[in-house]
N, C-alpha and C. Protein backbone atom coordinates (compact mmCIF):
# COMPACT_ATOMS: atom_id res chain seq x y z
N MET A 1 -3.72 3.99 37.41
CA MET A 1 -3.69 2.59 37.81
C MET A 1 -5.11 2.05 37.75
N GLN A 2 -5.25 0.87 37.18
CA GLN A 2 -6.55 0.22 37.10
C GLN A 2 -6.57 -0.94 38.07
N GLU A 3 -7.63 -1.05 38.85
CA GLU A 3 -7.76 -2.17 39.78
C GLU A 3 -9.12 -2.80 39.57
N SER A 4 -9.16 -4.13 39.69
CA SER A 4 -10.43 -4.84 39.61
C SER A 4 -10.28 -6.16 40.34
N GLU A 5 -11.40 -6.66 40.84
CA GLU A 5 -11.36 -7.98 41.46
C GLU A 5 -11.62 -9.01 40.39
N ASN A 6 -10.89 -10.14 40.48
CA ASN A 6 -11.12 -11.20 39.53
C ASN A 6 -12.19 -12.14 40.06
N GLN A 7 -12.40 -13.25 39.36
CA GLN A 7 -13.45 -14.17 39.75
C GLN A 7 -13.21 -14.82 41.11
N TYR A 8 -11.98 -14.73 41.62
CA TYR A 8 -11.67 -15.33 42.92
C TYR A 8 -11.74 -14.30 44.03
N GLY A 9 -12.14 -13.06 43.70
CA GLY A 9 -12.22 -12.02 44.71
C GLY A 9 -10.87 -11.43 45.07
N LEU A 10 -9.84 -11.75 44.28
CA LEU A 10 -8.51 -11.23 44.56
C LEU A 10 -8.26 -10.01 43.69
N LEU A 11 -7.48 -9.10 44.19
CA LEU A 11 -7.25 -7.84 43.51
C LEU A 11 -6.23 -7.99 42.39
N ASN A 12 -6.58 -7.55 41.21
CA ASN A 12 -5.66 -7.46 40.08
C ASN A 12 -5.39 -5.99 39.83
N THR A 13 -4.15 -5.66 39.58
CA THR A 13 -3.81 -4.27 39.29
C THR A 13 -2.94 -4.23 38.05
N LYS A 14 -3.28 -3.36 37.12
CA LYS A 14 -2.45 -3.12 35.94
C LYS A 14 -2.08 -1.65 35.98
N ARG A 15 -0.81 -1.36 35.82
CA ARG A 15 -0.34 0.02 35.80
C ARG A 15 0.08 0.40 34.40
N LYS A 16 -0.45 1.49 33.93
CA LYS A 16 -0.03 2.02 32.64
C LYS A 16 0.07 3.53 32.82
N MET A 17 1.28 4.04 32.92
CA MET A 17 1.48 5.46 33.15
C MET A 17 2.54 5.96 32.19
N GLY A 18 2.17 6.86 31.31
CA GLY A 18 3.13 7.51 30.42
C GLY A 18 4.08 6.53 29.76
N LYS A 19 5.36 6.80 29.87
CA LYS A 19 6.39 5.97 29.25
C LYS A 19 6.98 4.96 30.23
N GLN A 20 6.21 4.58 31.19
CA GLN A 20 6.70 3.63 32.19
C GLN A 20 6.82 2.23 31.60
N ASP A 21 7.72 1.46 32.18
CA ASP A 21 7.88 0.06 31.80
C ASP A 21 6.58 -0.70 32.09
N TYR A 22 6.30 -1.71 31.26
CA TYR A 22 5.12 -2.54 31.47
C TYR A 22 5.20 -3.19 32.85
N THR A 23 4.11 -3.11 33.61
CA THR A 23 4.03 -3.73 34.93
C THR A 23 2.67 -4.39 35.09
N TYR A 24 2.68 -5.58 35.68
CA TYR A 24 1.43 -6.26 36.03
C TYR A 24 1.56 -6.68 37.49
N VAL A 25 0.54 -6.38 38.28
CA VAL A 25 0.55 -6.67 39.71
C VAL A 25 -0.75 -7.39 40.07
N PHE A 26 -0.62 -8.47 40.85
CA PHE A 26 -1.82 -9.07 41.42
C PHE A 26 -1.51 -9.61 42.81
N THR A 27 -2.56 -9.87 43.55
CA THR A 27 -2.44 -10.33 44.93
C THR A 27 -3.10 -11.69 45.05
N THR A 28 -2.49 -12.56 45.85
CA THR A 28 -3.01 -13.90 46.05
C THR A 28 -2.73 -14.35 47.47
N ASP A 29 -3.22 -15.52 47.81
CA ASP A 29 -3.08 -15.97 49.20
C ASP A 29 -1.98 -17.00 49.42
N ILE A 30 -1.08 -17.21 48.43
CA ILE A 30 0.04 -18.11 48.66
C ILE A 30 1.20 -17.33 49.28
N THR A 31 2.22 -18.03 49.74
CA THR A 31 3.37 -17.36 50.35
C THR A 31 4.28 -16.78 49.26
N PRO A 32 5.12 -15.83 49.61
CA PRO A 32 6.09 -15.31 48.63
C PRO A 32 6.99 -16.41 48.06
N VAL A 33 7.43 -17.35 48.88
CA VAL A 33 8.28 -18.45 48.39
C VAL A 33 7.51 -19.30 47.38
N GLU A 34 6.25 -19.60 47.67
CA GLU A 34 5.43 -20.37 46.73
C GLU A 34 5.22 -19.60 45.43
N ALA A 35 5.07 -18.28 45.52
CA ALA A 35 4.89 -17.45 44.33
C ALA A 35 6.11 -17.52 43.43
N LEU A 36 7.30 -17.35 44.00
CA LEU A 36 8.52 -17.40 43.19
C LEU A 36 8.74 -18.80 42.62
N ASP A 37 8.36 -19.82 43.36
CA ASP A 37 8.45 -21.19 42.85
C ASP A 37 7.55 -21.35 41.62
N ALA A 38 6.33 -20.86 41.68
CA ALA A 38 5.40 -20.96 40.55
C ALA A 38 5.94 -20.20 39.34
N ILE A 39 6.46 -19.00 39.56
CA ILE A 39 7.03 -18.20 38.47
C ILE A 39 8.16 -18.96 37.78
N SER A 40 8.98 -19.66 38.56
CA SER A 40 10.12 -20.39 38.02
C SER A 40 9.72 -21.62 37.21
N ARG A 41 8.48 -22.06 37.35
CA ARG A 41 7.98 -23.21 36.59
C ARG A 41 7.39 -22.72 35.26
N VAL A 42 8.25 -22.15 34.45
CA VAL A 42 7.89 -21.46 33.21
C VAL A 42 7.04 -22.32 32.29
N THR A 43 7.35 -23.61 32.20
CA THR A 43 6.62 -24.49 31.28
C THR A 43 5.18 -24.70 31.69
N GLU A 44 4.86 -24.37 32.94
CA GLU A 44 3.49 -24.59 33.42
C GLU A 44 2.58 -23.39 33.22
N TRP A 45 3.15 -22.23 32.86
CA TRP A 45 2.29 -21.05 32.68
C TRP A 45 2.63 -20.21 31.45
N TRP A 46 3.84 -20.35 30.87
CA TRP A 46 4.21 -19.47 29.77
C TRP A 46 4.45 -20.23 28.47
N ALA A 47 5.47 -21.07 28.43
CA ALA A 47 5.84 -21.74 27.18
C ALA A 47 6.22 -23.18 27.45
N SER A 48 5.53 -24.11 26.81
CA SER A 48 5.86 -25.52 27.01
C SER A 48 7.12 -25.92 26.24
N ASP A 49 7.47 -25.16 25.19
CA ASP A 49 8.71 -25.43 24.44
C ASP A 49 9.82 -24.63 25.12
N PHE A 50 10.59 -25.30 25.93
CA PHE A 50 11.51 -24.67 26.88
C PHE A 50 12.79 -25.48 26.93
N GLU A 51 13.91 -24.79 27.02
CA GLU A 51 15.18 -25.50 27.25
C GLU A 51 15.99 -24.72 28.27
N GLY A 52 16.77 -25.45 29.07
CA GLY A 52 17.59 -24.82 30.10
C GLY A 52 16.99 -24.99 31.47
N SER A 53 17.35 -24.07 32.36
CA SER A 53 16.88 -24.11 33.74
C SER A 53 16.54 -22.70 34.19
N SER A 54 15.47 -22.56 34.97
CA SER A 54 15.01 -21.25 35.43
C SER A 54 14.85 -21.21 36.94
N LEU A 55 15.80 -21.82 37.65
CA LEU A 55 15.63 -21.98 39.09
C LEU A 55 16.56 -21.14 39.95
N LYS A 56 17.79 -20.86 39.48
CA LYS A 56 18.75 -20.21 40.37
C LYS A 56 19.62 -19.20 39.62
N LEU A 57 20.36 -18.41 40.38
CA LEU A 57 21.24 -17.39 39.83
C LEU A 57 22.14 -17.97 38.75
N ASP A 58 22.27 -17.25 37.64
CA ASP A 58 23.08 -17.60 36.47
C ASP A 58 22.51 -18.71 35.61
N ASP A 59 21.35 -19.27 35.96
CA ASP A 59 20.69 -20.22 35.06
C ASP A 59 20.35 -19.50 33.77
N VAL A 60 20.38 -20.25 32.67
CA VAL A 60 20.02 -19.74 31.36
C VAL A 60 18.89 -20.60 30.82
N PHE A 61 17.88 -19.95 30.25
CA PHE A 61 16.78 -20.70 29.65
C PHE A 61 16.25 -19.97 28.43
N THR A 62 15.65 -20.76 27.54
CA THR A 62 15.06 -20.22 26.32
C THR A 62 13.64 -20.73 26.22
N VAL A 63 12.73 -19.80 25.89
CA VAL A 63 11.36 -20.17 25.58
C VAL A 63 11.18 -20.01 24.08
N HIS A 64 10.41 -20.94 23.49
CA HIS A 64 10.15 -20.93 22.06
C HIS A 64 8.65 -20.90 21.82
N PHE A 65 8.25 -20.10 20.86
CA PHE A 65 6.87 -20.02 20.40
C PHE A 65 6.93 -20.16 18.88
N GLY A 66 7.01 -21.39 18.39
CA GLY A 66 7.24 -21.60 16.96
C GLY A 66 8.62 -21.06 16.60
N GLU A 67 8.68 -20.12 15.64
CA GLU A 67 9.96 -19.54 15.22
C GLU A 67 10.45 -18.45 16.16
N VAL A 68 9.60 -17.99 17.04
CA VAL A 68 9.94 -16.94 18.00
C VAL A 68 10.67 -17.58 19.19
N SER A 69 11.73 -16.91 19.67
CA SER A 69 12.44 -17.42 20.86
C SER A 69 12.99 -16.26 21.66
N VAL A 70 13.10 -16.50 22.96
CA VAL A 70 13.71 -15.53 23.87
C VAL A 70 14.59 -16.31 24.84
N THR A 71 15.85 -15.86 25.00
CA THR A 71 16.79 -16.48 25.92
C THR A 71 17.06 -15.52 27.07
N PHE A 72 17.01 -16.06 28.28
CA PHE A 72 17.20 -15.29 29.50
C PHE A 72 18.35 -15.84 30.33
N ARG A 73 18.96 -14.99 31.12
CA ARG A 73 19.89 -15.41 32.17
C ARG A 73 19.36 -14.82 33.46
N ILE A 74 19.30 -15.63 34.51
CA ILE A 74 18.85 -15.13 35.81
C ILE A 74 20.02 -14.36 36.42
N VAL A 75 19.83 -13.05 36.61
CA VAL A 75 20.92 -12.17 37.04
C VAL A 75 20.78 -11.69 38.48
N GLU A 76 19.63 -11.93 39.09
CA GLU A 76 19.47 -11.53 40.49
C GLU A 76 18.44 -12.43 41.14
N VAL A 77 18.75 -12.88 42.34
CA VAL A 77 17.82 -13.67 43.14
C VAL A 77 17.92 -13.19 44.58
N VAL A 78 16.79 -12.79 45.13
CA VAL A 78 16.69 -12.48 46.55
C VAL A 78 15.63 -13.44 47.07
N PRO A 79 16.05 -14.52 47.77
CA PRO A 79 15.10 -15.56 48.17
C PRO A 79 13.85 -14.99 48.86
N GLY A 80 12.70 -15.44 48.38
CA GLY A 80 11.44 -15.03 48.96
C GLY A 80 11.01 -13.61 48.62
N LYS A 81 11.81 -12.91 47.76
CA LYS A 81 11.48 -11.51 47.46
C LYS A 81 11.56 -11.12 45.99
N LYS A 82 12.57 -11.61 45.27
CA LYS A 82 12.80 -11.08 43.93
C LYS A 82 13.60 -12.04 43.08
N ILE A 83 13.30 -12.03 41.77
CA ILE A 83 14.10 -12.72 40.79
C ILE A 83 14.09 -11.86 39.52
N VAL A 84 15.25 -11.75 38.86
CA VAL A 84 15.37 -10.92 37.66
C VAL A 84 15.93 -11.77 36.53
N TRP A 85 15.23 -11.70 35.38
CA TRP A 85 15.65 -12.38 34.16
C TRP A 85 16.13 -11.33 33.17
N LEU A 86 17.34 -11.47 32.66
CA LEU A 86 17.89 -10.58 31.63
C LEU A 86 17.75 -11.26 30.27
N VAL A 87 17.20 -10.55 29.29
CA VAL A 87 17.10 -11.08 27.94
C VAL A 87 18.48 -10.96 27.29
N THR A 88 19.09 -12.11 26.98
CA THR A 88 20.41 -12.12 26.35
C THR A 88 20.33 -12.31 24.85
N ASP A 89 19.22 -12.85 24.36
CA ASP A 89 19.02 -12.98 22.92
C ASP A 89 17.53 -13.21 22.67
N CYS A 90 17.07 -12.75 21.52
CA CYS A 90 15.68 -13.01 21.15
C CYS A 90 15.54 -12.98 19.65
N ASN A 91 14.51 -13.64 19.18
CA ASN A 91 14.13 -13.62 17.77
C ASN A 91 12.62 -13.43 17.74
N LEU A 92 12.22 -12.17 17.73
CA LEU A 92 10.81 -11.80 17.69
C LEU A 92 10.47 -11.58 16.21
N THR A 93 10.19 -12.69 15.53
CA THR A 93 10.15 -12.71 14.07
C THR A 93 9.05 -11.86 13.46
N TRP A 94 8.06 -11.45 14.22
CA TRP A 94 6.98 -10.64 13.67
C TRP A 94 7.31 -9.15 13.68
N LEU A 95 8.47 -8.79 14.24
CA LEU A 95 8.88 -7.38 14.33
C LEU A 95 9.94 -7.04 13.29
N GLN A 96 10.03 -5.77 12.94
CA GLN A 96 11.14 -5.33 12.09
C GLN A 96 12.47 -5.51 12.83
N ASP A 97 12.50 -5.10 14.09
CA ASP A 97 13.69 -5.28 14.93
C ASP A 97 13.49 -6.55 15.74
N ILE A 98 13.93 -7.68 15.18
CA ILE A 98 13.68 -8.97 15.84
C ILE A 98 14.43 -9.12 17.15
N LYS A 99 15.37 -8.22 17.42
CA LYS A 99 16.17 -8.26 18.65
C LYS A 99 15.70 -7.21 19.67
N GLU A 100 14.49 -6.68 19.50
CA GLU A 100 14.01 -5.55 20.30
C GLU A 100 14.08 -5.80 21.81
N TRP A 101 13.90 -7.02 22.26
CA TRP A 101 13.93 -7.30 23.70
C TRP A 101 15.35 -7.44 24.25
N ASN A 102 16.36 -7.59 23.41
CA ASN A 102 17.72 -7.79 23.92
C ASN A 102 18.09 -6.70 24.91
N GLY A 103 18.61 -7.12 26.06
CA GLY A 103 19.01 -6.18 27.10
C GLY A 103 17.89 -5.75 28.02
N THR A 104 16.64 -6.13 27.72
CA THR A 104 15.55 -5.81 28.64
C THR A 104 15.55 -6.81 29.79
N ARG A 105 14.83 -6.49 30.85
CA ARG A 105 14.80 -7.35 32.04
C ARG A 105 13.36 -7.60 32.47
N ILE A 106 13.13 -8.80 32.96
CA ILE A 106 11.86 -9.14 33.59
C ILE A 106 12.15 -9.20 35.08
N GLU A 107 11.56 -8.29 35.85
CA GLU A 107 11.78 -8.23 37.30
C GLU A 107 10.52 -8.70 38.02
N TRP A 108 10.67 -9.79 38.74
CA TRP A 108 9.59 -10.34 39.55
C TRP A 108 9.84 -9.96 41.00
N GLU A 109 8.89 -9.32 41.64
CA GLU A 109 9.02 -8.97 43.04
C GLU A 109 7.78 -9.46 43.78
N VAL A 110 8.00 -10.04 44.95
CA VAL A 110 6.89 -10.50 45.78
C VAL A 110 7.03 -9.87 47.15
N SER A 111 5.88 -9.55 47.73
CA SER A 111 5.89 -8.94 49.06
C SER A 111 4.57 -9.28 49.75
N THR A 112 4.55 -9.09 51.05
CA THR A 112 3.34 -9.33 51.82
C THR A 112 2.63 -8.00 52.02
N VAL A 113 1.36 -7.98 51.62
CA VAL A 113 0.52 -6.79 51.74
C VAL A 113 -0.82 -7.23 52.33
N ASN A 114 -1.15 -6.69 53.52
CA ASN A 114 -2.42 -7.02 54.17
C ASN A 114 -2.66 -8.53 54.25
N ASN A 115 -1.68 -9.27 54.75
CA ASN A 115 -1.78 -10.72 54.93
C ASN A 115 -1.95 -11.50 53.63
N ALA A 116 -1.59 -10.92 52.52
CA ALA A 116 -1.64 -11.60 51.22
C ALA A 116 -0.29 -11.37 50.53
N THR A 117 -0.04 -12.12 49.48
CA THR A 117 1.18 -11.96 48.71
C THR A 117 0.89 -11.16 47.44
N GLN A 118 1.63 -10.08 47.28
CA GLN A 118 1.53 -9.28 46.08
C GLN A 118 2.66 -9.69 45.14
N ILE A 119 2.30 -10.01 43.90
CA ILE A 119 3.25 -10.39 42.87
C ILE A 119 3.29 -9.27 41.85
N SER A 120 4.48 -8.76 41.60
CA SER A 120 4.66 -7.68 40.64
C SER A 120 5.68 -8.10 39.59
N MET A 121 5.30 -7.99 38.33
CA MET A 121 6.22 -8.25 37.23
C MET A 121 6.38 -6.96 36.45
N THR A 122 7.62 -6.53 36.28
CA THR A 122 7.91 -5.36 35.46
C THR A 122 8.86 -5.80 34.35
N HIS A 123 8.46 -5.50 33.12
CA HIS A 123 9.34 -5.77 31.97
C HIS A 123 10.06 -4.45 31.69
N VAL A 124 11.25 -4.31 32.26
CA VAL A 124 12.04 -3.09 32.13
C VAL A 124 12.54 -2.97 30.70
N GLY A 125 12.11 -1.92 30.03
CA GLY A 125 12.47 -1.70 28.63
C GLY A 125 11.30 -1.90 27.69
N LEU A 126 10.23 -2.51 28.18
CA LEU A 126 9.00 -2.64 27.39
C LEU A 126 8.14 -1.44 27.71
N VAL A 127 8.22 -0.42 26.87
CA VAL A 127 7.52 0.85 27.12
C VAL A 127 6.65 1.21 25.91
N PRO A 128 5.58 1.97 26.15
CA PRO A 128 4.76 2.42 25.03
C PRO A 128 5.62 3.12 24.00
N GLY A 129 5.31 2.87 22.75
CA GLY A 129 6.05 3.51 21.67
C GLY A 129 7.03 2.58 20.97
N ILE A 130 7.47 1.50 21.64
CA ILE A 130 8.35 0.57 20.93
C ILE A 130 7.46 -0.36 20.09
N GLU A 131 8.06 -0.96 19.09
CA GLU A 131 7.29 -1.71 18.10
C GLU A 131 6.40 -2.81 18.69
N CYS A 132 6.91 -3.57 19.63
CA CYS A 132 6.13 -4.72 20.12
C CYS A 132 5.23 -4.39 21.30
N TYR A 133 5.20 -3.14 21.74
CA TYR A 133 4.51 -2.86 23.01
C TYR A 133 3.08 -3.41 23.05
N ASN A 134 2.24 -3.09 22.09
CA ASN A 134 0.84 -3.50 22.17
C ASN A 134 0.68 -5.02 22.16
N ASP A 135 1.37 -5.70 21.23
CA ASP A 135 1.28 -7.16 21.18
C ASP A 135 1.86 -7.79 22.44
N CYS A 136 3.00 -7.25 22.91
CA CYS A 136 3.64 -7.81 24.09
C CYS A 136 2.83 -7.54 25.35
N GLU A 137 2.22 -6.37 25.43
CA GLU A 137 1.34 -6.07 26.56
C GLU A 137 0.19 -7.07 26.61
N ASN A 138 -0.43 -7.32 25.47
CA ASN A 138 -1.52 -8.30 25.43
C ASN A 138 -1.03 -9.68 25.82
N GLY A 139 0.15 -10.06 25.33
CA GLY A 139 0.71 -11.37 25.68
C GLY A 139 0.98 -11.50 27.17
N TRP A 140 1.65 -10.50 27.75
CA TRP A 140 1.93 -10.54 29.18
C TRP A 140 0.63 -10.53 29.99
N ASN A 141 -0.34 -9.72 29.59
CA ASN A 141 -1.61 -9.69 30.33
C ASN A 141 -2.23 -11.08 30.41
N PHE A 142 -2.17 -11.82 29.29
CA PHE A 142 -2.69 -13.18 29.31
C PHE A 142 -1.81 -14.11 30.14
N HIS A 143 -0.52 -14.13 29.83
CA HIS A 143 0.36 -15.11 30.47
C HIS A 143 0.48 -14.90 31.97
N ILE A 144 0.46 -13.65 32.42
CA ILE A 144 0.54 -13.40 33.86
C ILE A 144 -0.85 -13.36 34.48
N GLY A 145 -1.71 -12.54 33.91
CA GLY A 145 -3.03 -12.31 34.51
C GLY A 145 -3.97 -13.48 34.43
N THR A 146 -3.79 -14.33 33.44
CA THR A 146 -4.65 -15.51 33.31
C THR A 146 -3.88 -16.79 33.62
N SER A 147 -2.81 -17.07 32.86
CA SER A 147 -2.15 -18.37 32.98
C SER A 147 -1.39 -18.54 34.30
N LEU A 148 -0.50 -17.59 34.64
CA LEU A 148 0.21 -17.70 35.92
C LEU A 148 -0.77 -17.64 37.08
N PHE A 149 -1.75 -16.76 36.97
CA PHE A 149 -2.75 -16.64 38.03
C PHE A 149 -3.48 -17.97 38.23
N LYS A 150 -3.87 -18.64 37.13
CA LYS A 150 -4.54 -19.94 37.24
C LYS A 150 -3.61 -21.00 37.82
N LEU A 151 -2.33 -20.96 37.45
CA LEU A 151 -1.39 -21.91 38.04
C LEU A 151 -1.34 -21.73 39.55
N ILE A 152 -1.27 -20.50 39.99
CA ILE A 152 -1.18 -20.20 41.42
C ILE A 152 -2.47 -20.53 42.16
N THR A 153 -3.62 -20.20 41.57
CA THR A 153 -4.88 -20.37 42.29
C THR A 153 -5.57 -21.71 42.06
N GLU A 154 -5.31 -22.34 40.90
CA GLU A 154 -5.99 -23.59 40.57
C GLU A 154 -5.04 -24.77 40.39
N GLY A 155 -3.73 -24.48 40.33
CA GLY A 155 -2.75 -25.55 40.18
C GLY A 155 -2.44 -25.92 38.75
N VAL A 156 -3.12 -25.28 37.76
CA VAL A 156 -2.89 -25.58 36.36
C VAL A 156 -2.93 -24.28 35.56
N GLY A 157 -1.81 -23.97 34.88
CA GLY A 157 -1.76 -22.79 34.04
C GLY A 157 -2.17 -23.11 32.62
N MET A 158 -1.98 -22.15 31.74
CA MET A 158 -2.36 -22.29 30.33
C MET A 158 -1.18 -21.87 29.44
N PRO A 159 -0.07 -22.64 29.47
CA PRO A 159 1.10 -22.25 28.68
C PRO A 159 0.87 -22.38 27.19
N ASP A 160 1.62 -21.61 26.42
CA ASP A 160 1.59 -21.72 24.97
C ASP A 160 2.18 -23.09 24.61
N VAL A 161 1.54 -23.77 23.68
CA VAL A 161 2.00 -25.11 23.33
C VAL A 161 2.58 -25.19 21.92
N SER A 162 2.81 -24.03 21.27
CA SER A 162 3.42 -24.06 19.93
C SER A 162 4.86 -24.57 20.05
N THR A 163 5.31 -25.23 19.02
CA THR A 163 6.66 -25.80 19.03
C THR A 163 7.44 -25.32 17.82
N ARG A 164 8.75 -25.50 17.90
CA ARG A 164 9.62 -25.10 16.79
C ARG A 164 9.34 -25.94 15.56
N LYS A 165 9.51 -25.32 14.41
CA LYS A 165 9.28 -26.04 13.14
C LYS A 165 10.56 -26.62 12.65
């Protein structure tokens, strides 16, 4: 496990162990409810080309990055603690297997640790050795570690602004 303090003095943790699913963890001073609210505002930290809804159980949404798209269904919500997105379809056009994410899950968990909120994102099924792991790891590191973190700490994220052709 790698830990480092960011420019705000808050702890960032990245876990990379063997064949484990990709996980990114960081701690901040907002409440767990505020954290889940920020995560649900996908257009403000991940992809501005967005359709659907990402707020409640059974919502379906799609993010687009040019020709690349991923569709999710929210399959679990535990208010103030957890939200799970299931990938129901994807077109990862830069990969040989453009459907590689299908059936994977994004699990967001928030908890209180030492009077702060710990946010943990695990992409279940994104493991070392699959085709997109390195590119996807870099993408998640930016979108969570930089963009979502900036949305939470500064009020403005850095979503991808590419649009469909």
